[in-house]
Amino acid sequence: MYIRGNPDQSIMTTILAFDDTTGRIIVDSSPDTLLNQRLVNAPAVIFDTQVDGININFTAQELEHTTHEGLPAIAAPLPETIRRIQRREFYRVEIPVGEPASCTIPVVERGRPPRQAVVRMKDISVGGLALIDTDNELPHESGRIFRDVVLSLPEVGEATVNLDVLRTRSIVRPNKKEIIELACRFVEPSNATAALIQNYIGRLERRLNAKRRGY
């Protein structure tokens, strides 16, 4: 959640409970008490998340300090409307964990030597892909362009692309480890690259369909 018009004033939070009596949702607060106070004082706060790949957000006003199970929390009125956005210009296929595909990303950051980060791909389409950064290898900034990224596509080959990071989100695994998912689009891929990616998607989809049918 973040202050409307100021995404820098944000925290990762979790919906803890629905209070039907008062018509409120209870969410986790930040360890930063000053940020909590700014959120409560703000005219409007945006909640933004994803469910099954669909962006969902809503606006809340008149937030309040509260407690949940004896710990500090924040309460907000139940939203009257919720916005759901799903963009699927291209067919997207999940990449099985047992048949991983990865990409090698040159990373250049101020104050650090250049390095090559190898990151697993979660899914892919002709228009873009999702990356899973398990070891904090990458900068997690929307709008960043990764150039000369090498995709390693099993049974198909390699392709070099530029990636535009559209959004990022944090995922906490059952073992409490936090990983970051980066949704990216390809920046003006060549026809040959698009054909190679489509070939990989076709092969992967045929294999997945065969597994679903028990072959």
C-alpha atoms as a PDB file:
ATOM      1  CA  MET A   1       0.000   0.000   0.000  1.00  0.00           C
ATOM      2  CA  TYR A   2       1.184   3.504  -0.730  1.00  0.00           C
ATOM      3  CA  ILE A   3       0.083   7.097  -0.477  1.00  0.00           C
ATOM      4  CA  ARG A   4      -1.783   8.162  -3.617  1.00  0.00           C
ATOM      5  CA  GLY A   5       0.513  10.243  -5.785  1.00  0.00           C
ATOM      6  CA  ASN A   6       3.586   9.154  -3.841  1.00  0.00           C
ATOM      7  CA  PRO A   7       4.493   5.482  -4.513  1.00  0.00           C
ATOM      8  CA  ASP A   8       7.829   6.005  -2.738  1.00  0.00           C
ATOM      9  CA  GLN A   9       5.893   6.141   0.548  1.00  0.00           C
ATOM     10  CA  SER A  10       4.902   2.470   0.412  1.00  0.00           C
ATOM     11  CA  ILE A  11       5.096  -0.797   2.334  1.00  0.00           C
ATOM     12  CA  MET A  12       4.465  -4.456   1.571  1.00  0.00           C
ATOM     13  CA  THR A  13       1.465  -5.467   3.665  1.00  0.00           C
ATOM     14  CA  THR A  14      -0.924  -8.354   4.228  1.00  0.00           C
ATOM     15  CA  ILE A  15      -4.680  -8.393   4.797  1.00  0.00           C
ATOM     16  CA  LEU A  16      -5.012  -9.846   8.284  1.00  0.00           C
ATOM     17  CA  ALA A  17      -8.775  -9.821   8.802  1.00  0.00           C
ATOM     18  CA  PHE A  18     -12.150  -8.508   7.704  1.00  0.00           C
ATOM     19  CA  ASP A  19     -14.149  -6.811  10.427  1.00  0.00           C
ATOM     20  CA  ASP A  20     -17.780  -7.276   9.376  1.00  0.00           C
ATOM     21  CA  THR A  21     -19.034  -5.394  12.417  1.00  0.00           C
ATOM     22  CA  THR A  22     -17.313  -2.126  11.520  1.00  0.00           C
ATOM     23  CA  GLY A  23     -16.993  -2.725   7.770  1.00  0.00           C
ATOM     24  CA  ARG A  24     -13.211  -2.524   7.804  1.00  0.00           C
ATOM     25  CA  ILE A  25     -10.235  -4.494   6.613  1.00  0.00           C
ATOM     26  CA  ILE A  26      -7.276  -4.921   8.949  1.00  0.00           C
ATOM     27  CA  VAL A  27      -3.818  -4.891   7.369  1.00  0.00           C
ATOM     28  CA  ASP A  28      -0.314  -5.316   8.687  1.00  0.00           C
ATOM     29  CA  SER A  29       1.536  -2.114   9.545  1.00  0.00           C
ATOM     30  CA  SER A  30       5.148  -1.112   8.950  1.00  0.00           C
ATOM     31  CA  PRO A  31       7.940  -1.269  11.554  1.00  0.00           C
ATOM     32  CA  ASP A  32       8.450   2.404  10.637  1.00  0.00           C
ATOM     33  CA  THR A  33       6.056   4.270  12.933  1.00  0.00           C
ATOM     34  CA  LEU A  34       6.553   7.555  11.056  1.00  0.00           C
ATOM     35  CA  LEU A  35       5.532   5.917   7.779  1.00  0.00           C
ATOM     36  CA  ASN A  36       2.490   4.401   9.478  1.00  0.00           C
ATOM     37  CA  GLN A  37       1.490   7.873  10.664  1.00  0.00           C
ATOM     38  CA  ARG A  38       1.926   9.301   7.149  1.00  0.00           C
ATOM     39  CA  LEU A  39      -0.327   6.549   5.767  1.00  0.00           C
ATOM     40  CA  VAL A  40      -2.997   7.235   8.376  1.00  0.00           C
ATOM     41  CA  ASN A  41      -2.803  11.000   7.763  1.00  0.00           C
ATOM     42  CA  ALA A  42      -2.882  10.686   3.959  1.00  0.00           C
ATOM     43  CA  PRO A  43      -6.059  11.768   2.117  1.00  0.00           C
ATOM     44  CA  ALA A  44      -6.021   8.493   0.160  1.00  0.00           C
ATOM     45  CA  VAL A  45      -4.009   5.284   0.119  1.00  0.00           C
ATOM     46  CA  ILE A  46      -3.718   2.814  -2.769  1.00  0.00           C
ATOM     47  CA  PHE A  47      -3.650  -0.951  -2.247  1.00  0.00           C
ATOM     48  CA  ASP A  48      -2.090  -2.782  -5.196  1.00  0.00           C
ATOM     49  CA  THR A  49      -1.552  -6.522  -5.673  1.00  0.00           C
ATOM     50  CA  GLN A  50      -1.803  -9.423  -8.105  1.00  0.00           C
ATOM     51  CA  VAL A  51      -3.976 -12.526  -7.956  1.00  0.00           C
ATOM     52  CA  ASP A  52      -3.385 -15.247 -10.560  1.00  0.00           C
ATOM     53  CA  GLY A  53      -1.554 -12.759 -12.757  1.00  0.00           C
ATOM     54  CA  ILE A  54      -4.362 -10.177 -12.630  1.00  0.00           C
ATOM     55  CA  ASN A  55      -3.576  -6.720 -11.263  1.00  0.00           C
ATOM     56  CA  ILE A  56      -6.003  -5.665  -8.529  1.00  0.00           C
ATOM     57  CA  ASN A  57      -6.084  -2.318  -6.756  1.00  0.00           C
ATOM     58  CA  PHE A  58      -8.410  -0.174  -4.711  1.00  0.00           C
ATOM     59  CA  THR A  59      -8.337   3.156  -2.895  1.00  0.00           C
ATOM     60  CA  ALA A  60      -8.969   3.651   0.816  1.00  0.00           C
ATOM     61  CA  GLN A  61      -9.488   6.770   2.890  1.00  0.00           C
ATOM     62  CA  GLU A  62      -9.684   7.534   6.602  1.00  0.00           C
ATOM     63  CA  LEU A  63      -7.209   4.879   7.717  1.00  0.00           C
ATOM     64  CA  GLU A  64      -6.839   4.296  11.461  1.00  0.00           C
ATOM     65  CA  HIS A  65      -4.335   2.770  13.845  1.00  0.00           C
ATOM     66  CA  THR A  66      -5.596  -0.444  15.428  1.00  0.00           C
ATOM     67  CA  THR A  67      -4.325  -3.772  16.753  1.00  0.00           C
ATOM     68  CA  HIS A  68      -4.716  -7.356  15.588  1.00  0.00           C
ATOM     69  CA  GLU A  69      -3.991 -10.234  17.952  1.00  0.00           C
ATOM     70  CA  GLY A  70      -2.213  -7.794  20.223  1.00  0.00           C
ATOM     71  CA  LEU A  71       0.090  -6.345  17.553  1.00  0.00           C
ATOM     72  CA  PRO A  72      -0.042  -2.953  15.784  1.00  0.00           C
ATOM     73  CA  ALA A  73      -2.065  -2.852  12.590  1.00  0.00           C
ATOM     74  CA  ILE A  74      -3.921  -0.442  10.318  1.00  0.00           C
ATOM     75  CA  ALA A  75      -7.647  -0.426   9.597  1.00  0.00           C
ATOM     76  CA  ALA A  76      -9.274   0.841   6.402  1.00  0.00           C
ATOM     77  CA  PRO A  77     -12.908   0.930   5.264  1.00  0.00           C
ATOM     78  CA  LEU A  78     -13.961  -1.905   2.984  1.00  0.00           C
ATOM     79  CA  PRO A  79     -13.625  -0.580  -0.592  1.00  0.00           C
ATOM     80  CA  GLU A  80     -16.794   0.189  -2.515  1.00  0.00           C
ATOM     81  CA  THR A  81     -15.115  -0.686  -5.806  1.00  0.00           C
ATOM     82  CA  ILE A  82     -12.114  -2.810  -6.843  1.00  0.00           C
ATOM     83  CA  ARG A  83     -10.249  -2.405 -10.122  1.00  0.00           C
ATOM     84  CA  ARG A  84      -9.089  -5.548 -11.938  1.00  0.00           C
ATOM     85  CA  ILE A  85      -6.757  -5.288 -14.928  1.00  0.00           C
ATOM     86  CA  GLN A  86      -5.685  -8.211 -17.075  1.00  0.00           C
ATOM     87  CA  ARG A  87      -3.591  -7.623 -20.155  1.00  0.00           C
ATOM     88  CA  ARG A  88      -2.947 -10.631 -22.358  1.00  0.00           C
ATOM     89  CA  GLU A  89      -1.893  -9.404 -25.780  1.00  0.00           C
ATOM     90  CA  PHE A  90       0.184 -12.564 -26.282  1.00  0.00           C
ATOM     91  CA  TYR A  91      -0.289 -16.191 -25.271  1.00  0.00           C
ATOM     92  CA  ARG A  92       1.822 -16.921 -22.198  1.00  0.00           C
ATOM     93  CA  VAL A  93       3.063 -20.335 -21.088  1.00  0.00           C
ATOM     94  CA  GLU A  94       4.388 -21.342 -17.666  1.00  0.00           C
ATOM     95  CA  ILE A  95       7.865 -22.877 -17.659  1.00  0.00           C
ATOM     96  CA  PRO A  96       7.967 -26.131 -15.634  1.00  0.00           C
ATOM     97  CA  VAL A  97      10.368 -26.156 -12.689  1.00  0.00           C
ATOM     98  CA  GLY A  98      11.671 -29.511 -13.929  1.00  0.00           C
ATOM     99  CA  GLU A  99      12.536 -28.050 -17.341  1.00  0.00           C
ATOM    100  CA  PRO A 100      14.018 -24.682 -16.368  1.00  0.00           C
ATOM    101  CA  ALA A 101      14.903 -21.924 -18.787  1.00  0.00           C
ATOM    102  CA  SER A 102      17.142 -19.053 -17.770  1.00  0.00           C
ATOM    103  CA  CYS A 103      18.534 -15.796 -19.024  1.00  0.00           C
ATOM    104  CA  THR A 104      21.858 -14.092 -18.502  1.00  0.00           C
ATOM    105  CA  ILE A 105      21.541 -10.387 -17.767  1.00  0.00           C
ATOM    106  CA  PRO A 106      24.423  -7.902 -17.819  1.00  0.00           C
ATOM    107  CA  VAL A 107      23.941  -5.693 -14.764  1.00  0.00           C
ATOM    108  CA  VAL A 108      25.593  -2.293 -14.478  1.00  0.00           C
ATOM    109  CA  GLU A 109      25.046  -0.343 -11.252  1.00  0.00           C
ATOM    110  CA  ARG A 110      26.743   2.773  -9.972  1.00  0.00           C
ATOM    111  CA  GLY A 111      29.441   2.009  -7.443  1.00  0.00           C
ATOM    112  CA  ARG A 112      29.584  -1.708  -8.267  1.00  0.00           C
ATOM    113  CA  PRO A 113      31.594  -3.640 -10.878  1.00  0.00           C
ATOM    114  CA  PRO A 114      29.640  -4.942 -13.914  1.00  0.00           C
ATOM    115  CA  ARG A 115      28.399  -8.500 -13.480  1.00  0.00           C
ATOM    116  CA  GLN A 116      26.429 -11.224 -15.230  1.00  0.00           C
ATOM    117  CA  ALA A 117      23.274 -12.353 -13.392  1.00  0.00           C
ATOM    118  CA  VAL A 118      21.736 -15.705 -14.323  1.00  0.00           C
ATOM    119  CA  VAL A 119      18.027 -15.674 -13.456  1.00  0.00           C
ATOM    120  CA  ARG A 120      15.300 -18.282 -13.948  1.00  0.00           C
ATOM    121  CA  MET A 121      12.295 -17.525 -16.141  1.00  0.00           C
ATOM    122  CA  LYS A 122       8.836 -18.182 -14.716  1.00  0.00           C
ATOM    123  CA  ASP A 123       6.822 -17.802 -17.918  1.00  0.00           C
ATOM    124  CA  ILE A 124       7.249 -16.496 -21.441  1.00  0.00           C
ATOM    125  CA  SER A 125       5.300 -15.166 -24.409  1.00  0.00           C
ATOM    126  CA  VAL A 126       6.289 -13.606 -27.710  1.00  0.00           C
ATOM    127  CA  GLY A 127       5.736 -10.232 -26.022  1.00  0.00           C
ATOM    128  CA  GLY A 128       7.728 -10.731 -22.841  1.00  0.00           C
ATOM    129  CA  LEU A 129       8.522 -12.879 -19.836  1.00  0.00           C
ATOM    130  CA  ALA A 130       8.525 -13.052 -16.048  1.00  0.00           C
ATOM    131  CA  LEU A 131      11.736 -13.529 -14.089  1.00  0.00           C
ATOM    132  CA  ILE A 132      12.163 -15.039 -10.621  1.00  0.00           C
ATOM    133  CA  ASP A 133      15.020 -13.416  -8.735  1.00  0.00           C
ATOM    134  CA  THR A 134      15.658 -15.817  -5.848  1.00  0.00           C
ATOM    135  CA  ASP A 135      19.041 -14.457  -4.749  1.00  0.00           C
ATOM    136  CA  ASN A 136      18.599 -10.700  -5.118  1.00  0.00           C
ATOM    137  CA  GLU A 137      20.747 -10.627  -8.253  1.00  0.00           C
ATOM    138  CA  LEU A 138      18.917  -7.809 -10.034  1.00  0.00           C
ATOM    139  CA  PRO A 139      17.874  -4.199  -9.395  1.00  0.00           C
ATOM    140  CA  HIS A 140      14.131  -4.284  -8.717  1.00  0.00           C
ATOM    141  CA  GLU A 141      13.055  -1.106 -10.479  1.00  0.00           C
ATOM    142  CA  SER A 142      10.089  -0.662 -12.802  1.00  0.00           C
ATOM    143  CA  GLY A 143      11.155   1.147 -15.955  1.00  0.00           C
ATOM    144  CA  ARG A 144      14.711  -0.213 -15.979  1.00  0.00           C
ATOM    145  CA  ILE A 145      15.985  -1.540 -19.319  1.00  0.00           C
ATOM    146  CA  PHE A 146      18.208  -4.630 -19.286  1.00  0.00           C
ATOM    147  CA  ARG A 147      20.202  -4.710 -22.523  1.00  0.00           C
ATOM    148  CA  ASP A 148      21.832  -7.616 -24.361  1.00  0.00           C
ATOM    149  CA  VAL A 149      20.044 -10.238 -22.300  1.00  0.00           C
ATOM    150  CA  VAL A 150      20.745 -13.794 -23.495  1.00  0.00           C
ATOM    151  CA  LEU A 151      17.781 -16.184 -23.277  1.00  0.00           C
ATOM    152  CA  SER A 152      18.740 -19.859 -22.977  1.00  0.00           C
ATOM    153  CA  LEU A 153      15.793 -21.830 -24.374  1.00  0.00           C
ATOM    154  CA  PRO A 154      16.148 -25.616 -24.030  1.00  0.00           C
ATOM    155  CA  GLU A 155      16.125 -27.599 -27.305  1.00  0.00           C
ATOM    156  CA  VAL A 156      15.815 -24.364 -29.293  1.00  0.00           C
ATOM    157  CA  GLY A 157      18.890 -22.248 -28.694  1.00  0.00           C
ATOM    158  CA  GLU A 158      19.781 -18.783 -27.500  1.00  0.00           C
ATOM    159  CA  ALA A 159      18.360 -15.357 -28.314  1.00  0.00           C
ATOM    160  CA  THR A 160      19.617 -11.894 -27.386  1.00  0.00           C
ATOM    161  CA  VAL A 161      16.967  -9.356 -26.372  1.00  0.00           C
ATOM    162  CA  ASN A 162      16.466  -6.100 -24.483  1.00  0.00           C
ATOM    163  CA  LEU A 163      14.021  -6.237 -21.553  1.00  0.00           C
ATOM    164  CA  ASP A 164      11.868  -3.426 -20.171  1.00  0.00           C
ATOM    165  CA  VAL A 165      10.834  -4.066 -16.548  1.00  0.00           C
ATOM    166  CA  LEU A 166       7.123  -3.235 -16.316  1.00  0.00           C
ATOM    167  CA  ARG A 167       6.510  -4.114 -12.654  1.00  0.00           C
ATOM    168  CA  THR A 168       7.930  -6.064  -9.749  1.00  0.00           C
ATOM    169  CA  ARG A 169       6.359  -7.838  -6.809  1.00  0.00           C
ATOM    170  CA  SER A 170       7.572  -9.586  -3.684  1.00  0.00           C
ATOM    171  CA  ILE A 171       6.667 -13.215  -2.975  1.00  0.00           C
ATOM    172  CA  VAL A 172       7.238 -14.802   0.437  1.00  0.00           C
ATOM    173  CA  ARG A 173       7.713 -18.554   0.306  1.00  0.00           C
ATOM    174  CA  PRO A 174       6.544 -20.929   3.069  1.00  0.00           C
ATOM    175  CA  ASN A 175      10.132 -20.991   4.408  1.00  0.00           C
ATOM    176  CA  LYS A 176       9.837 -17.178   4.858  1.00  0.00           C
ATOM    177  CA  LYS A 177      12.390 -16.479   2.114  1.00  0.00           C
ATOM    178  CA  GLU A 178      11.445 -13.476  -0.003  1.00  0.00           C
ATOM    179  CA  ILE A 179      11.886 -13.623  -3.765  1.00  0.00           C
ATOM    180  CA  ILE A 180      11.143 -10.987  -6.382  1.00  0.00           C
ATOM    181  CA  GLU A 181       9.187 -11.517  -9.595  1.00  0.00           C
ATOM    182  CA  LEU A 182       9.883  -9.096 -12.447  1.00  0.00           C
ATOM    183  CA  ALA A 183       7.401  -8.794 -15.317  1.00  0.00           C
ATOM    184  CA  CYS A 184       9.229  -7.668 -18.459  1.00  0.00           C
ATOM    185  CA  ARG A 185       8.457  -6.987 -22.106  1.00  0.00           C
ATOM    186  CA  PHE A 186      10.743  -7.483 -25.052  1.00  0.00           C
ATOM    187  CA  VAL A 187      11.912  -4.218 -26.603  1.00  0.00           C
ATOM    188  CA  GLU A 188      11.545  -4.422 -30.393  1.00  0.00           C
ATOM    189  CA  PRO A 189      12.690  -8.039 -30.829  1.00  0.00           C
ATOM    190  CA  SER A 190      13.787  -9.050 -34.321  1.00  0.00           C
ATOM    191  CA  ASN A 191      11.591 -11.327 -36.426  1.00  0.00           C
ATOM    192  CA  ALA A 192      14.157 -14.096 -36.049  1.00  0.00           C
ATOM    193  CA  THR A 193      14.115 -13.759 -32.252  1.00  0.00           C
ATOM    194  CA  ALA A 194      10.304 -13.743 -32.139  1.00  0.00           C
ATOM    195  CA  ALA A 195      10.242 -16.877 -34.307  1.00  0.00           C
ATOM    196  CA  LEU A 196      12.739 -18.631 -32.022  1.00  0.00           C
ATOM    197  CA  ILE A 197      10.703 -17.769 -28.933  1.00  0.00           C
ATOM    198  CA  GLN A 198       7.492 -18.926 -30.628  1.00  0.00           C
ATOM    199  CA  ASN A 199       9.205 -22.190 -31.539  1.00  0.00           C
ATOM    200  CA  TYR A 200      10.168 -22.715 -27.915  1.00  0.00           C
ATOM    201  CA  ILE A 201       6.648 -21.885 -26.693  1.00  0.00           C
ATOM    202  CA  GLY A 202       5.149 -24.332 -29.208  1.00  0.00           C
ATOM    203  CA  ARG A 203       7.473 -27.149 -28.163  1.00  0.00           C
ATOM    204  CA  LEU A 204       6.832 -26.507 -24.485  1.00  0.00           C
ATOM    205  CA  GLU A 205       3.069 -26.344 -24.916  1.00  0.00           C
ATOM    206  CA  ARG A 206       2.984 -29.620 -26.885  1.00  0.00           C
ATOM    207  CA  ARG A 207       4.981 -31.323 -24.133  1.00  0.00           C
ATOM    208  CA  LEU A 208       2.719 -29.939 -21.412  1.00  0.00           C
ATOM    209  CA  ASN A 209      -0.397 -31.015 -23.299  1.00  0.00           C
ATOM    210  CA  ALA A 210       1.030 -34.520 -23.649  1.00  0.00           C
ATOM    211  CA  LYS A 211       1.666 -34.680 -19.890  1.00  0.00           C
ATOM    212  CA  ARG A 212      -1.894 -33.542 -19.171  1.00  0.00           C
ATOM    213  CA  ARG A 213      -3.176 -36.409 -21.336  1.00  0.00           C
ATOM    214  CA  GLY A 214      -0.973 -38.930 -19.554  1.00  0.00           C
ATOM    215  CA  TYR A 215       1.500 -39.542 -22.380  1.00  0.00           C
END
